[in-house]
Amino acid sequence: MRPEAGQCAQRRRLARSSGAGDPRYRGTAKRLYFRGDAAFANPEMYEFLEAERASYTIRLPADRVLQDRIGYLPKRPVGRPPQEVRRFHASFGYQAQSWKKPRRVVAKVEWHPGELYPRVGFIVTNPARSAERVVAFYNQRGTCEQFIKEGKGAVKWMRLSCRTFAANAVASFMC
């Protein structure tokens, strides 16, 4: 469903009057956080976020070098298989060939009941938090995406086809 003629302009005016996108409000955020999947794992993204002083947690695709760095973690736990998930974390400095400087990488190894091999994940990050807290913060990314998916399924969200984010935000509240 396309908006009626003139509706996009009206939404832009409403968004402007609400203060969204107003240059006077730029720089008022105290902290910026970014969570991203492996599609955002490139040096340009890290450098941009560091220049903006944003805290970031971005998933890294696994490679042989990263696997070797945590070689001691994926060992099968001794004893009977547990009935709950066992998680192990590690944090270390790492510099890929395409990076200009080393960055902190957090590794997560999960042993799930009934599975033969562990689930291993790597996250590149810059906040000075414990490895467990970094992983917990990153995992909230999936929670946000689930809320969006549920909203699309439970509520008939209209197609937002205006050019600006603020105008589309106003349109979603008008539904």
C-alpha atoms as a PDB file:
ATOM      1  CA  MET A   1       0.000   0.000   0.000  1.00  0.00           C
ATOM      2  CA  ARG A   2       1.574   3.284  -1.124  1.00  0.00           C
ATOM      3  CA  PRO A   3       0.862   6.442   0.865  1.00  0.00           C
ATOM      4  CA  GLU A   4      -1.562   8.921  -0.601  1.00  0.00           C
ATOM      5  CA  ALA A   5      -0.134  11.904  -2.478  1.00  0.00           C
ATOM      6  CA  GLY A   6       1.265  14.422  -0.014  1.00  0.00           C
ATOM      7  CA  GLN A   7       1.359  12.019   2.941  1.00  0.00           C
ATOM      8  CA  CYS A   8       5.170  11.649   2.854  1.00  0.00           C
ATOM      9  CA  ALA A   9       5.608  15.418   2.943  1.00  0.00           C
ATOM     10  CA  GLN A  10       3.143  15.644   5.813  1.00  0.00           C
ATOM     11  CA  ARG A  11       5.028  12.963   7.760  1.00  0.00           C
ATOM     12  CA  ARG A  12       8.321  14.794   7.165  1.00  0.00           C
ATOM     13  CA  ARG A  13       6.791  18.006   8.528  1.00  0.00           C
ATOM     14  CA  LEU A  14       5.493  16.144  11.597  1.00  0.00           C
ATOM     15  CA  ALA A  15       8.893  14.561  12.139  1.00  0.00           C
ATOM     16  CA  ARG A  16      10.630  17.947  11.862  1.00  0.00           C
ATOM     17  CA  SER A  17       8.226  19.540  14.311  1.00  0.00           C
ATOM     18  CA  SER A  18       8.857  16.719  16.809  1.00  0.00           C
ATOM     19  CA  GLY A  19      12.601  17.478  16.804  1.00  0.00           C
ATOM     20  CA  ALA A  20      13.727  14.315  15.026  1.00  0.00           C
ATOM     21  CA  GLY A  21      16.763  15.005  12.867  1.00  0.00           C
ATOM     22  CA  ASP A  22      17.189  18.523  14.267  1.00  0.00           C
ATOM     23  CA  PRO A  23      20.886  19.537  14.159  1.00  0.00           C
ATOM     24  CA  ARG A  24      20.536  21.217  17.567  1.00  0.00           C
ATOM     25  CA  TYR A  25      20.155  17.746  19.129  1.00  0.00           C
ATOM     26  CA  ARG A  26      23.272  16.267  17.525  1.00  0.00           C
ATOM     27  CA  GLY A  27      25.939  15.383  20.037  1.00  0.00           C
ATOM     28  CA  THR A  28      23.543  15.145  22.981  1.00  0.00           C
ATOM     29  CA  ALA A  29      23.878  11.374  23.251  1.00  0.00           C
ATOM     30  CA  LYS A  30      26.123  10.453  26.154  1.00  0.00           C
ATOM     31  CA  ARG A  31      27.053   6.964  24.920  1.00  0.00           C
ATOM     32  CA  LEU A  32      26.708   5.257  21.573  1.00  0.00           C
ATOM     33  CA  TYR A  33      26.473   1.462  21.327  1.00  0.00           C
ATOM     34  CA  PHE A  34      26.572  -0.700  18.212  1.00  0.00           C
ATOM     35  CA  ARG A  35      25.849  -4.413  17.878  1.00  0.00           C
ATOM     36  CA  GLY A  36      26.306  -6.099  14.538  1.00  0.00           C
ATOM     37  CA  ASP A  37      26.570  -9.474  12.906  1.00  0.00           C
ATOM     38  CA  ALA A  38      29.454 -10.658  10.732  1.00  0.00           C
ATOM     39  CA  ALA A  39      28.264  -8.551   7.783  1.00  0.00           C
ATOM     40  CA  PHE A  40      29.609  -5.490   9.652  1.00  0.00           C
ATOM     41  CA  ALA A  41      33.004  -7.075  10.370  1.00  0.00           C
ATOM     42  CA  ASN A  42      35.301  -4.900   8.274  1.00  0.00           C
ATOM     43  CA  PRO A  43      38.113  -2.507   9.185  1.00  0.00           C
ATOM     44  CA  GLU A  44      36.302   0.567   7.861  1.00  0.00           C
ATOM     45  CA  MET A  45      33.396  -0.053  10.227  1.00  0.00           C
ATOM     46  CA  TYR A  46      35.702  -0.438  13.250  1.00  0.00           C
ATOM     47  CA  GLU A  47      37.593   2.739  12.400  1.00  0.00           C
ATOM     48  CA  PHE A  48      34.367   4.703  11.864  1.00  0.00           C
ATOM     49  CA  LEU A  49      32.903   3.559  15.196  1.00  0.00           C
ATOM     50  CA  GLU A  50      36.149   4.303  17.021  1.00  0.00           C
ATOM     51  CA  ALA A  51      36.271   7.799  15.462  1.00  0.00           C
ATOM     52  CA  GLU A  52      32.695   8.389  16.685  1.00  0.00           C
ATOM     53  CA  ARG A  53      33.678   7.075  20.146  1.00  0.00           C
ATOM     54  CA  ALA A  54      31.005   4.387  19.972  1.00  0.00           C
ATOM     55  CA  SER A  55      31.183   1.127  21.896  1.00  0.00           C
ATOM     56  CA  TYR A  56      30.779  -1.807  19.548  1.00  0.00           C
ATOM     57  CA  THR A  57      30.387  -5.575  19.592  1.00  0.00           C
ATOM     58  CA  ILE A  58      30.546  -7.159  16.149  1.00  0.00           C
ATOM     59  CA  ARG A  59      30.632 -10.862  15.380  1.00  0.00           C
ATOM     60  CA  LEU A  60      33.774 -12.095  13.645  1.00  0.00           C
ATOM     61  CA  PRO A  61      33.783 -14.969  11.186  1.00  0.00           C
ATOM     62  CA  ALA A  62      35.905 -17.804  12.584  1.00  0.00           C
ATOM     63  CA  ASP A  63      39.202 -18.636  10.934  1.00  0.00           C
ATOM     64  CA  ARG A  64      42.108 -20.962  11.681  1.00  0.00           C
ATOM     65  CA  VAL A  65      44.128 -18.276  13.537  1.00  0.00           C
ATOM     66  CA  LEU A  66      41.243 -17.493  15.906  1.00  0.00           C
ATOM     67  CA  GLN A  67      40.529 -21.198  16.446  1.00  0.00           C
ATOM     68  CA  ASP A  68      44.180 -21.762  17.357  1.00  0.00           C
ATOM     69  CA  ARG A  69      44.096 -18.912  19.898  1.00  0.00           C
ATOM     70  CA  ILE A  70      41.363 -20.701  21.885  1.00  0.00           C
ATOM     71  CA  GLY A  71      42.622 -24.240  21.298  1.00  0.00           C
ATOM     72  CA  TYR A  72      42.416 -25.009  25.004  1.00  0.00           C
ATOM     73  CA  LEU A  73      38.704 -24.087  25.344  1.00  0.00           C
ATOM     74  CA  PRO A  74      36.861 -26.483  22.997  1.00  0.00           C
ATOM     75  CA  LYS A  75      38.004 -29.572  24.895  1.00  0.00           C
ATOM     76  CA  ARG A  76      35.101 -31.752  25.939  1.00  0.00           C
ATOM     77  CA  PRO A  77      34.350 -31.352  29.674  1.00  0.00           C
ATOM     78  CA  VAL A  78      35.397 -34.309  31.803  1.00  0.00           C
ATOM     79  CA  GLY A  79      32.715 -36.516  33.381  1.00  0.00           C
ATOM     80  CA  ARG A  80      29.108 -37.225  32.572  1.00  0.00           C
ATOM     81  CA  PRO A  81      27.473 -34.997  29.953  1.00  0.00           C
ATOM     82  CA  PRO A  82      25.694 -32.145  31.729  1.00  0.00           C
ATOM     83  CA  GLN A  83      21.966 -31.535  31.410  1.00  0.00           C
ATOM     84  CA  GLU A  84      22.522 -27.782  31.049  1.00  0.00           C
ATOM     85  CA  VAL A  85      24.534 -25.668  28.644  1.00  0.00           C
ATOM     86  CA  ARG A  86      28.147 -25.085  29.690  1.00  0.00           C
ATOM     87  CA  ARG A  87      29.723 -21.825  28.557  1.00  0.00           C
ATOM     88  CA  PHE A  88      33.388 -20.850  28.524  1.00  0.00           C
ATOM     89  CA  HIS A  89      34.774 -17.434  27.585  1.00  0.00           C
ATOM     90  CA  ALA A  90      38.165 -16.033  26.650  1.00  0.00           C
ATOM     91  CA  SER A  91      39.415 -12.563  25.793  1.00  0.00           C
ATOM     92  CA  PHE A  92      42.584 -11.741  23.858  1.00  0.00           C
ATOM     93  CA  GLY A  93      44.174  -9.168  21.594  1.00  0.00           C
ATOM     94  CA  TYR A  94      44.149  -9.936  17.878  1.00  0.00           C
ATOM     95  CA  GLN A  95      45.150  -8.137  14.699  1.00  0.00           C
ATOM     96  CA  ALA A  96      43.918  -9.381  11.338  1.00  0.00           C
ATOM     97  CA  GLN A  97      46.038  -8.648   8.270  1.00  0.00           C
ATOM     98  CA  SER A  98      43.578  -5.995   7.062  1.00  0.00           C
ATOM     99  CA  TRP A  99      43.463  -4.161  10.411  1.00  0.00           C
ATOM    100  CA  LYS A 100      45.740  -1.219  11.163  1.00  0.00           C
ATOM    101  CA  LYS A 101      45.916  -2.002  14.887  1.00  0.00           C
ATOM    102  CA  PRO A 102      45.131  -4.875  17.270  1.00  0.00           C
ATOM    103  CA  ARG A 103      41.659  -5.091  18.781  1.00  0.00           C
ATOM    104  CA  ARG A 104      40.074  -7.070  21.588  1.00  0.00           C
ATOM    105  CA  VAL A 105      38.356 -10.306  20.641  1.00  0.00           C
ATOM    106  CA  VAL A 106      36.047 -12.267  22.940  1.00  0.00           C
ATOM    107  CA  ALA A 107      35.522 -15.967  22.289  1.00  0.00           C
ATOM    108  CA  LYS A 108      32.527 -17.961  23.474  1.00  0.00           C
ATOM    109  CA  VAL A 109      32.426 -21.765  23.550  1.00  0.00           C
ATOM    110  CA  GLU A 110      29.114 -23.463  24.386  1.00  0.00           C
ATOM    111  CA  TRP A 111      28.618 -27.162  25.027  1.00  0.00           C
ATOM    112  CA  HIS A 112      24.936 -28.075  24.575  1.00  0.00           C
ATOM    113  CA  PRO A 113      23.466 -31.332  25.918  1.00  0.00           C
ATOM    114  CA  GLY A 114      23.331 -34.037  23.274  1.00  0.00           C
ATOM    115  CA  GLU A 115      25.654 -32.257  20.836  1.00  0.00           C
ATOM    116  CA  LEU A 116      28.986 -33.755  19.847  1.00  0.00           C
ATOM    117  CA  TYR A 117      30.839 -30.529  19.035  1.00  0.00           C
ATOM    118  CA  PRO A 118      30.817 -27.134  20.765  1.00  0.00           C
ATOM    119  CA  ARG A 119      29.354 -23.955  19.328  1.00  0.00           C
ATOM    120  CA  VAL A 120      32.146 -21.412  18.976  1.00  0.00           C
ATOM    121  CA  GLY A 121      31.735 -17.693  18.318  1.00  0.00           C
ATOM    122  CA  PHE A 122      34.045 -14.688  18.166  1.00  0.00           C
ATOM    123  CA  ILE A 123      33.182 -11.055  18.844  1.00  0.00           C
ATOM    124  CA  VAL A 124      35.420  -8.039  18.222  1.00  0.00           C
ATOM    125  CA  THR A 125      34.742  -5.335  20.777  1.00  0.00           C
ATOM    126  CA  ASN A 126      36.106  -2.201  22.404  1.00  0.00           C
ATOM    127  CA  PRO A 127      34.264  -1.774  25.759  1.00  0.00           C
ATOM    128  CA  ALA A 128      36.262  -2.675  28.873  1.00  0.00           C
ATOM    129  CA  ARG A 129      33.768  -5.220  30.189  1.00  0.00           C
ATOM    130  CA  SER A 130      34.230  -8.824  31.217  1.00  0.00           C
ATOM    131  CA  ALA A 131      33.967 -11.386  28.420  1.00  0.00           C
ATOM    132  CA  GLU A 132      30.672 -12.682  29.850  1.00  0.00           C
ATOM    133  CA  ARG A 133      29.124  -9.194  29.833  1.00  0.00           C
ATOM    134  CA  VAL A 134      30.294  -8.548  26.261  1.00  0.00           C
ATOM    135  CA  VAL A 135      28.639 -11.777  25.096  1.00  0.00           C
ATOM    136  CA  ALA A 136      25.442 -10.951  27.007  1.00  0.00           C
ATOM    137  CA  PHE A 137      25.343  -7.488  25.420  1.00  0.00           C
ATOM    138  CA  TYR A 138      25.910  -8.943  21.932  1.00  0.00           C
ATOM    139  CA  ASN A 139      23.187 -11.563  22.434  1.00  0.00           C
ATOM    140  CA  GLN A 140      20.629  -8.787  23.006  1.00  0.00           C
ATOM    141  CA  ARG A 141      20.942  -8.076  19.268  1.00  0.00           C
ATOM    142  CA  GLY A 142      18.994 -11.241  18.543  1.00  0.00           C
ATOM    143  CA  THR A 143      16.363 -10.267  21.110  1.00  0.00           C
ATOM    144  CA  CYS A 144      15.756  -6.955  19.325  1.00  0.00           C
ATOM    145  CA  GLU A 145      15.397  -8.726  15.982  1.00  0.00           C
ATOM    146  CA  GLN A 146      12.886 -11.152  17.513  1.00  0.00           C
ATOM    147  CA  PHE A 147      10.774  -8.247  18.790  1.00  0.00           C
ATOM    148  CA  ILE A 148      10.722  -6.755  15.283  1.00  0.00           C
ATOM    149  CA  LYS A 149       9.771 -10.115  13.774  1.00  0.00           C
ATOM    150  CA  GLU A 150       6.990 -10.598  16.327  1.00  0.00           C
ATOM    151  CA  GLY A 151       5.693  -7.092  15.674  1.00  0.00           C
ATOM    152  CA  LYS A 152       5.528  -7.719  11.959  1.00  0.00           C
ATOM    153  CA  GLY A 153       3.664 -10.968  12.509  1.00  0.00           C
ATOM    154  CA  ALA A 154       1.279  -9.839  15.244  1.00  0.00           C
ATOM    155  CA  VAL A 155       0.446  -6.371  13.999  1.00  0.00           C
ATOM    156  CA  LYS A 156      -0.270  -5.474  10.397  1.00  0.00           C
ATOM    157  CA  TRP A 157       2.535  -3.005   9.969  1.00  0.00           C
ATOM    158  CA  MET A 158       2.063  -0.941   6.866  1.00  0.00           C
ATOM    159  CA  ARG A 159       4.753  -0.626   4.256  1.00  0.00           C
ATOM    160  CA  LEU A 160       6.847   2.388   5.164  1.00  0.00           C
ATOM    161  CA  SER A 161       7.813   3.998   1.897  1.00  0.00           C
ATOM    162  CA  CYS A 162       8.848   7.532   2.747  1.00  0.00           C
ATOM    163  CA  ARG A 163      12.448   8.555   2.127  1.00  0.00           C
ATOM    164  CA  THR A 164      13.359   9.564   5.661  1.00  0.00           C
ATOM    165  CA  PHE A 165      13.457   7.471   8.816  1.00  0.00           C
ATOM    166  CA  ALA A 166      11.694  10.145  10.850  1.00  0.00           C
ATOM    167  CA  ALA A 167       8.760  10.338   8.400  1.00  0.00           C
ATOM    168  CA  ASN A 168       8.397   6.543   8.500  1.00  0.00           C
ATOM    169  CA  ALA A 169       8.500   6.638  12.327  1.00  0.00           C
ATOM    170  CA  VAL A 170       5.622   9.115  12.336  1.00  0.00           C
ATOM    171  CA  ALA A 171       3.725   6.922   9.857  1.00  0.00           C
ATOM    172  CA  SER A 172       4.094   3.861  12.090  1.00  0.00           C
ATOM    173  CA  PHE A 173       2.576   5.764  15.023  1.00  0.00           C
ATOM    174  CA  MET A 174      -0.344   6.958  12.858  1.00  0.00           C
ATOM    175  CA  CYS A 175      -1.425   3.382  12.058  1.00  0.00           C
END
